[in-house]
PDB file of all heavy atoms in Angstrom:
ATOM      1  N   CYS A   1      76.203  49.481 -15.503  1.00  0.00           N
ATOM      2  CA  CYS A   1      76.678  48.344 -16.292  1.00  0.00           C
ATOM      3  C   CYS A   1      77.872  48.794 -17.186  1.00  0.00           C
ATOM      4  O   CYS A   1      77.793  49.952 -17.722  1.00  0.00           O
ATOM      5  CB  CYS A   1      75.552  47.784 -17.134  1.00  0.00           C
ATOM      6  SG  CYS A   1      75.938  46.256 -17.953  1.00  0.00           S
ATOM      7  N   ARG A   2      78.831  47.950 -17.347  1.00  0.00           N
ATOM      8  CA  ARG A   2      79.978  48.288 -18.150  1.00  0.00           C
ATOM      9  C   ARG A   2      80.522  47.011 -18.840  1.00  0.00           C
ATOM     10  O   ARG A   2      80.878  46.039 -18.185  1.00  0.00           O
ATOM     11  CB  ARG A   2      81.078  48.962 -17.316  1.00  0.00           C
ATOM     12  CG  ARG A   2      82.287  49.441 -18.100  1.00  0.00           C
ATOM     13  CD  ARG A   2      81.867  50.597 -19.020  1.00  0.00           C
ATOM     14  NE  ARG A   2      82.968  51.069 -19.860  1.00  0.00           N
ATOM     15  CZ  ARG A   2      83.746  52.132 -19.489  1.00  0.00           C
ATOM     16  NH1 ARG A   2      83.538  52.704 -18.315  1.00  0.00           N
ATOM     17  NH2 ARG A   2      84.716  52.493 -20.275  1.00  0.00           N
ATOM     18  N   TRP A   3      80.563  47.086 -20.192  1.00  0.00           N
ATOM     19  CA  TRP A   3      81.213  45.983 -20.942  1.00  0.00           C
ATOM     20  C   TRP A   3      82.726  46.191 -20.817  1.00  0.00           C
ATOM     21  O   TRP A   3      83.244  47.300 -20.937  1.00  0.00           O
ATOM     22  CB  TRP A   3      80.850  46.008 -22.384  1.00  0.00           C
ATOM     23  CG  TRP A   3      79.354  45.542 -22.633  1.00  0.00           C
ATOM     24  CD1 TRP A   3      78.285  46.304 -22.753  1.00  0.00           C
ATOM     25  CD2 TRP A   3      78.978  44.151 -22.705  1.00  0.00           C
ATOM     26  NE1 TRP A   3      77.202  45.510 -22.924  1.00  0.00           N
ATOM     27  CE2 TRP A   3      77.555  44.165 -22.827  1.00  0.00           C
ATOM     28  CE3 TRP A   3      79.665  42.925 -22.628  1.00  0.00           C
ATOM     29  CZ2 TRP A   3      76.806  43.025 -23.030  1.00  0.00           C
ATOM     30  CZ3 TRP A   3      78.890  41.815 -22.759  1.00  0.00           C
ATOM     31  CH2 TRP A   3      77.506  41.828 -22.940  1.00  0.00           C
ATOM     32  N   LEU A   4      83.448  45.068 -20.631  1.00  0.00           N
ATOM     33  CA  LEU A   4      84.881  45.087 -20.460  1.00  0.00           C
ATOM     34  C   LEU A   4      85.656  44.578 -21.654  1.00  0.00           C
ATOM     35  O   LEU A   4      86.878  44.736 -21.708  1.00  0.00           O
ATOM     36  CB  LEU A   4      85.296  44.316 -19.167  1.00  0.00           C
ATOM     37  CG  LEU A   4      84.536  44.730 -17.924  1.00  0.00           C
ATOM     38  CD1 LEU A   4      84.904  43.760 -16.789  1.00  0.00           C
ATOM     39  CD2 LEU A   4      84.844  46.206 -17.528  1.00  0.00           C
ATOM     40  N   ARG A   5      85.006  43.840 -22.530  1.00  0.00           N
ATOM     41  CA  ARG A   5      85.640  43.273 -23.756  1.00  0.00           C
ATOM     42  C   ARG A   5      84.552  42.966 -24.761  1.00  0.00           C
ATOM     43  O   ARG A   5      83.392  42.976 -24.531  1.00  0.00           O
ATOM     44  CB  ARG A   5      86.434  42.093 -23.415  1.00  0.00           C
ATOM     45  CG  ARG A   5      85.679  40.920 -22.872  1.00  0.00           C
ATOM     46  CD  ARG A   5      86.454  39.588 -23.057  1.00  0.00           C
ATOM     47  NE  ARG A   5      86.523  39.291 -24.477  1.00  0.00           N
ATOM     48  CZ  ARG A   5      87.548  38.616 -24.922  1.00  0.00           C
ATOM     49  NH1 ARG A   5      88.508  38.197 -24.203  1.00  0.00           N
ATOM     50  NH2 ARG A   5      87.597  38.367 -26.262  1.00  0.00           N
ATOM     51  N   ASN A   6      85.084  42.683 -26.014  1.00  0.00           N
ATOM     52  CA  ASN A   6      84.166  42.293 -27.076  1.00  0.00           C
ATOM     53  C   ASN A   6      83.958  40.798 -27.008  1.00  0.00           C
ATOM     54  O   ASN A   6      84.947  39.977 -27.172  1.00  0.00           O
ATOM     55  CB  ASN A   6      84.798  42.675 -28.419  1.00  0.00           C
ATOM     56  CG  ASN A   6      83.863  42.414 -29.610  1.00  0.00           C
ATOM     57  OD1 ASN A   6      82.760  41.848 -29.404  1.00  0.00           O
ATOM     58  ND2 ASN A   6      84.308  42.774 -30.762  1.00  0.00           N
ATOM     59  N   VAL A   7      82.743  40.353 -26.731  1.00  0.00           N
ATOM     60  CA  VAL A   7      82.483  38.917 -26.495  1.00  0.00           C
ATOM     61  C   VAL A   7      82.505  38.145 -27.872  1.00  0.00           C
ATOM     62  O   VAL A   7      82.462  36.913 -27.902  1.00  0.00           O
ATOM     63  CB  VAL A   7      81.078  38.695 -25.862  1.00  0.00           C
ATOM     64  CG1 VAL A   7      81.141  39.257 -24.464  1.00  0.00           C
ATOM     65  CG2 VAL A   7      79.998  39.367 -26.700  1.00  0.00           C
ATOM     66  N   HIS A   8      82.620  38.876 -29.026  1.00  0.00           N
ATOM     67  CA  HIS A   8      82.639  38.161 -30.310  1.00  0.00           C
ATOM     68  C   HIS A   8      84.079  37.865 -30.748  1.00  0.00           C
ATOM     69  O   HIS A   8      84.253  37.374 -31.904  1.00  0.00           O
ATOM     70  CB  HIS A   8      81.958  39.026 -31.357  1.00  0.00           C
ATOM     71  CG  HIS A   8      80.504  39.326 -31.039  1.00  0.00           C
ATOM     72  ND1 HIS A   8      79.567  38.319 -30.952  1.00  0.00           N
ATOM     73  CD2 HIS A   8      79.848  40.442 -30.693  1.00  0.00           C
ATOM     74  CE1 HIS A   8      78.381  38.819 -30.667  1.00  0.00           C
ATOM     75  NE2 HIS A   8      78.554  40.139 -30.499  1.00  0.00           N
ATOM     76  N   ASP A   9      85.058  38.080 -29.876  1.00  0.00           N
ATOM     77  CA  ASP A   9      86.446  37.784 -30.264  1.00  0.00           C
ATOM     78  C   ASP A   9      86.515  36.300 -30.424  1.00  0.00           C
ATOM     79  O   ASP A   9      85.856  35.493 -29.793  1.00  0.00           O
ATOM     80  CB  ASP A   9      87.419  38.212 -29.178  1.00  0.00           C
ATOM     81  CG  ASP A   9      87.533  39.762 -29.140  1.00  0.00           C
ATOM     82  OD1 ASP A   9      87.094  40.385 -30.107  1.00  0.00           O
ATOM     83  OD2 ASP A   9      88.066  40.284 -28.084  1.00  0.00           O
ATOM     84  N   ASN A  10      87.550  35.816 -31.207  1.00  0.00           N
ATOM     85  CA  ASN A  10      87.701  34.407 -31.454  1.00  0.00           C
ATOM     86  C   ASN A  10      88.257  33.771 -30.156  1.00  0.00           C
ATOM     87  O   ASN A  10      89.343  34.024 -29.761  1.00  0.00           O
ATOM     88  CB  ASN A  10      88.704  34.183 -32.629  1.00  0.00           C
ATOM     89  CG  ASN A  10      88.870  32.733 -32.983  1.00  0.00           C
ATOM     90  OD1 ASN A  10      88.160  31.889 -32.437  1.00  0.00           O
ATOM     91  ND2 ASN A  10      89.797  32.477 -33.868  1.00  0.00           N
ATOM     92  N   MET A  11      87.489  32.908 -29.576  1.00  0.00           N
ATOM     93  CA  MET A  11      87.911  32.189 -28.348  1.00  0.00           C
ATOM     94  C   MET A  11      87.977  30.673 -28.511  1.00  0.00           C
ATOM     95  O   MET A  11      87.939  29.966 -27.582  1.00  0.00           O
ATOM     96  CB  MET A  11      86.870  32.560 -27.198  1.00  0.00           C
ATOM     97  CG  MET A  11      86.722  34.060 -26.955  1.00  0.00           C
ATOM     98  SD  MET A  11      88.181  34.714 -26.154  1.00  0.00           S
ATOM     99  CE  MET A  11      88.064  33.847 -24.590  1.00  0.00           C
ATOM    100  N   ASN A  12      88.050  30.181 -29.765  1.00  0.00           N
ATOM    101  CA  ASN A  12      87.874  28.794 -29.998  1.00  0.00           C
ATOM    102  C   ASN A  12      89.173  28.041 -29.574  1.00  0.00           C
ATOM    103  O   ASN A  12      89.053  26.967 -28.947  1.00  0.00           O
ATOM    104  CB  ASN A  12      87.622  28.518 -31.490  1.00  0.00           C
ATOM    105  CG  ASN A  12      86.283  29.066 -31.922  1.00  0.00           C
ATOM    106  OD1 ASN A  12      85.337  29.013 -31.115  1.00  0.00           O
ATOM    107  ND2 ASN A  12      86.192  29.544 -33.174  1.00  0.00           N
ATOM    108  N   SER A  13      90.297  28.531 -29.888  1.00  0.00           N
ATOM    109  CA  SER A  13      91.504  27.788 -29.550  1.00  0.00           C
ATOM    110  C   SER A  13      92.115  28.286 -28.224  1.00  0.00           C
ATOM    111  O   SER A  13      91.916  29.441 -27.833  1.00  0.00           O
ATOM    112  CB  SER A  13      92.555  27.915 -30.663  1.00  0.00           C
ATOM    113  OG  SER A  13      93.029  29.289 -30.646  1.00  0.00           O
ATOM    114  N   SER A  14      92.840  27.399 -27.612  1.00  0.00           N
ATOM    115  CA  SER A  14      93.437  27.748 -26.252  1.00  0.00           C
ATOM    116  C   SER A  14      94.483  28.854 -26.443  1.00  0.00           C
ATOM    117  O   SER A  14      94.655  29.777 -25.626  1.00  0.00           O
ATOM    118  CB  SER A  14      94.106  26.520 -25.563  1.00  0.00           C
ATOM    119  OG  SER A  14      95.042  25.979 -26.427  1.00  0.00           O
ATOM    120  N   ASN A  15      95.216  28.855 -27.608  1.00  0.00           N
ATOM    121  CA  ASN A  15      96.246  29.874 -27.797  1.00  0.00           C
ATOM    122  C   ASN A  15      95.604  31.220 -27.959  1.00  0.00           C
ATOM    123  O   ASN A  15      96.070  32.257 -27.441  1.00  0.00           O
ATOM    124  CB  ASN A  15      97.098  29.506 -29.023  1.00  0.00           C
ATOM    125  CG  ASN A  15      98.005  28.363 -28.736  1.00  0.00           C
ATOM    126  OD1 ASN A  15      98.339  28.037 -27.593  1.00  0.00           O
ATOM    127  ND2 ASN A  15      98.330  27.592 -29.829  1.00  0.00           N
ATOM    128  N   ASN A  16      94.533  31.271 -28.750  1.00  0.00           N
ATOM    129  CA  ASN A  16      93.841  32.536 -28.983  1.00  0.00           C
ATOM    130  C   ASN A  16      93.294  33.124 -27.608  1.00  0.00           C
ATOM    131  O   ASN A  16      93.377  34.278 -27.380  1.00  0.00           O
ATOM    132  CB  ASN A  16      92.705  32.353 -29.903  1.00  0.00           C
ATOM    133  CG  ASN A  16      93.178  32.230 -31.391  1.00  0.00           C
ATOM    134  OD1 ASN A  16      94.263  32.703 -31.677  1.00  0.00           O
ATOM    135  ND2 ASN A  16      92.361  31.693 -32.242  1.00  0.00           N
ATOM    136  N   PHE A  17      92.769  32.168 -26.793  1.00  0.00           N
ATOM    137  CA  PHE A  17      92.210  32.601 -25.551  1.00  0.00           C
ATOM    138  C   PHE A  17      93.292  33.164 -24.611  1.00  0.00           C
ATOM    139  O   PHE A  17      93.188  34.295 -24.064  1.00  0.00           O
ATOM    140  CB  PHE A  17      91.534  31.458 -24.842  1.00  0.00           C
ATOM    141  CG  PHE A  17      90.942  31.827 -23.479  1.00  0.00           C
ATOM    142  CD1 PHE A  17      89.670  32.429 -23.450  1.00  0.00           C
ATOM    143  CD2 PHE A  17      91.641  31.668 -22.317  1.00  0.00           C
ATOM    144  CE1 PHE A  17      89.161  32.829 -22.250  1.00  0.00           C
ATOM    145  CE2 PHE A  17      91.094  32.081 -21.087  1.00  0.00           C
ATOM    146  CZ  PHE A  17      89.836  32.664 -21.034  1.00  0.00           C
ATOM    147  N   ASN A  18      94.400  32.392 -24.488  1.00  0.00           N
ATOM    148  CA  ASN A  18      95.488  32.847 -23.562  1.00  0.00           C
ATOM    149  C   ASN A  18      96.130  34.180 -24.060  1.00  0.00           C
ATOM    150  O   ASN A  18      96.388  35.063 -23.242  1.00  0.00           O
ATOM    151  CB  ASN A  18      96.568  31.753 -23.464  1.00  0.00           C
ATOM    152  CG  ASN A  18      96.081  30.549 -22.769  1.00  0.00           C
ATOM    153  OD1 ASN A  18      95.046  30.605 -22.102  1.00  0.00           O
ATOM    154  ND2 ASN A  18      96.801  29.462 -22.911  1.00  0.00           N
ATOM    155  N   ASN A  19      96.339  34.305 -25.386  1.00  0.00           N
ATOM    156  CA  ASN A  19      96.911  35.550 -25.876  1.00  0.00           C
ATOM    157  C   ASN A  19      96.012  36.685 -25.717  1.00  0.00           C
ATOM    158  O   ASN A  19      96.396  37.825 -25.282  1.00  0.00           O
ATOM    159  CB  ASN A  19      97.271  35.393 -27.373  1.00  0.00           C
ATOM    160  CG  ASN A  19      98.392  34.327 -27.582  1.00  0.00           C
ATOM    161  OD1 ASN A  19      99.207  34.119 -26.733  1.00  0.00           O
ATOM    162  ND2 ASN A  19      98.395  33.770 -28.740  1.00  0.00           N
ATOM    163  N   SER A  20      94.694  36.448 -25.926  1.00  0.00           N
ATOM    164  CA  SER A  20      93.648  37.522 -25.810  1.00  0.00           C
ATOM    165  C   SER A  20      93.583  37.908 -24.342  1.00  0.00           C
ATOM    166  O   SER A  20      93.455  39.098 -24.038  1.00  0.00           O
ATOM    167  CB  SER A  20      92.304  37.009 -26.302  1.00  0.00           C
ATOM    168  OG  SER A  20      91.301  37.956 -25.947  1.00  0.00           O
ATOM    169  N   TYR A  21      93.661  36.987 -23.429  1.00  0.00           N
ATOM    170  CA  TYR A  21      93.589  37.292 -21.997  1.00  0.00           C
ATOM    171  C   TYR A  21      94.754  38.152 -21.556  1.00  0.00           C
ATOM    172  O   TYR A  21      94.554  39.171 -20.926  1.00  0.00           O
ATOM    173  CB  TYR A  21      93.592  35.960 -21.222  1.00  0.00           C
ATOM    174  CG  TYR A  21      93.526  36.162 -19.715  1.00  0.00           C
ATOM    175  CD1 TYR A  21      92.278  36.270 -19.048  1.00  0.00           C
ATOM    176  CD2 TYR A  21      94.702  36.210 -18.987  1.00  0.00           C
ATOM    177  CE1 TYR A  21      92.233  36.448 -17.712  1.00  0.00           C
ATOM    178  CE2 TYR A  21      94.582  36.433 -17.619  1.00  0.00           C
ATOM    179  CZ  TYR A  21      93.360  36.540 -16.955  1.00  0.00           C
ATOM    180  OH  TYR A  21      93.373  36.702 -15.653  1.00  0.00           O
ATOM    181  N   ILE A  22      95.928  37.734 -21.937  1.00  0.00           N
ATOM    182  CA  ILE A  22      97.134  38.395 -21.461  1.00  0.00           C
ATOM    183  C   ILE A  22      97.252  39.806 -22.022  1.00  0.00           C
ATOM    184  O   ILE A  22      97.596  40.793 -21.326  1.00  0.00           O
ATOM    185  CB  ILE A  22      98.380  37.590 -21.751  1.00  0.00           C
ATOM    186  CG1 ILE A  22      98.325  36.211 -20.991  1.00  0.00           C
ATOM    187  CG2 ILE A  22      99.653  38.327 -21.444  1.00  0.00           C
ATOM    188  CD1 ILE A  22      99.429  35.270 -21.418  1.00  0.00           C
ATOM    189  N   GLU A  23      96.968  39.899 -23.313  1.00  0.00           N
ATOM    190  CA  GLU A  23      97.141  41.182 -23.975  1.00  0.00           C
ATOM    191  C   GLU A  23      96.127  42.189 -23.579  1.00  0.00           C
ATOM    192  O   GLU A  23      96.424  43.423 -23.511  1.00  0.00           O
ATOM    193  CB  GLU A  23      97.019  40.998 -25.510  1.00  0.00           C
ATOM    194  CG  GLU A  23      98.213  40.204 -26.110  1.00  0.00           C
ATOM    195  CD  GLU A  23      97.985  39.816 -27.574  1.00  0.00           C
ATOM    196  OE1 GLU A  23      96.864  40.227 -28.063  1.00  0.00           O
ATOM    197  OE2 GLU A  23      98.810  39.138 -28.138  1.00  0.00           O
ATOM    198  N   GLY A  24      94.893  41.755 -23.264  1.00  0.00           N
ATOM    199  CA  GLY A  24      93.789  42.686 -22.975  1.00  0.00           C
ATOM    200  C   GLY A  24      93.454  42.855 -21.524  1.00  0.00           C
ATOM    201  O   GLY A  24      92.638  43.694 -21.166  1.00  0.00           O
ATOM    202  N   LEU A  25      94.083  42.122 -20.628  1.00  0.00           N
ATOM    203  CA  LEU A  25      93.712  42.148 -19.199  1.00  0.00           C
ATOM    204  C   LEU A  25      93.965  43.503 -18.585  1.00  0.00           C
ATOM    205  O   LEU A  25      93.109  44.010 -17.841  1.00  0.00           O
ATOM    206  CB  LEU A  25      94.523  41.081 -18.425  1.00  0.00           C
ATOM    207  CG  LEU A  25      94.102  40.964 -16.911  1.00  0.00           C
ATOM    208  CD1 LEU A  25      92.655  40.636 -16.772  1.00  0.00           C
ATOM    209  CD2 LEU A  25      95.010  39.918 -16.261  1.00  0.00           C
ATOM    210  N   ASP A  26      95.065  44.132 -18.874  1.00  0.00           N
ATOM    211  CA  ASP A  26      95.405  45.409 -18.296  1.00  0.00           C
ATOM    212  C   ASP A  26      94.288  46.451 -18.678  1.00  0.00           C
ATOM    213  O   ASP A  26      93.913  47.249 -17.825  1.00  0.00           O
ATOM    214  CB  ASP A  26      96.747  45.907 -18.772  1.00  0.00           C
ATOM    215  CG  ASP A  26      97.898  45.152 -18.139  1.00  0.00           C
ATOM    216  OD1 ASP A  26      97.674  44.458 -17.119  1.00  0.00           O
ATOM    217  OD2 ASP A  26      99.017  45.182 -18.677  1.00  0.00           O
ATOM    218  N   ASN A  27      93.839  46.409 -19.882  1.00  0.00           N
ATOM    219  CA  ASN A  27      92.829  47.318 -20.271  1.00  0.00           C
ATOM    220  C   ASN A  27      91.496  47.041 -19.572  1.00  0.00           C
ATOM    221  O   ASN A  27      90.808  47.955 -19.151  1.00  0.00           O
ATOM    222  CB  ASN A  27      92.558  47.173 -21.802  1.00  0.00           C
ATOM    223  CG  ASN A  27      91.494  48.146 -22.294  1.00  0.00           C
ATOM    224  OD1 ASN A  27      91.532  49.358 -22.073  1.00  0.00           O
ATOM    225  ND2 ASN A  27      90.479  47.533 -22.885  1.00  0.00           N
TER     226      ASN A  27
END
């Protein structure tokens, strides 16, 4: 089992989600 991200990140707004996705996807 391996966690790939912190599930407690702010995901409420669409901008936060898209920015979080793009910035952290490579990692």
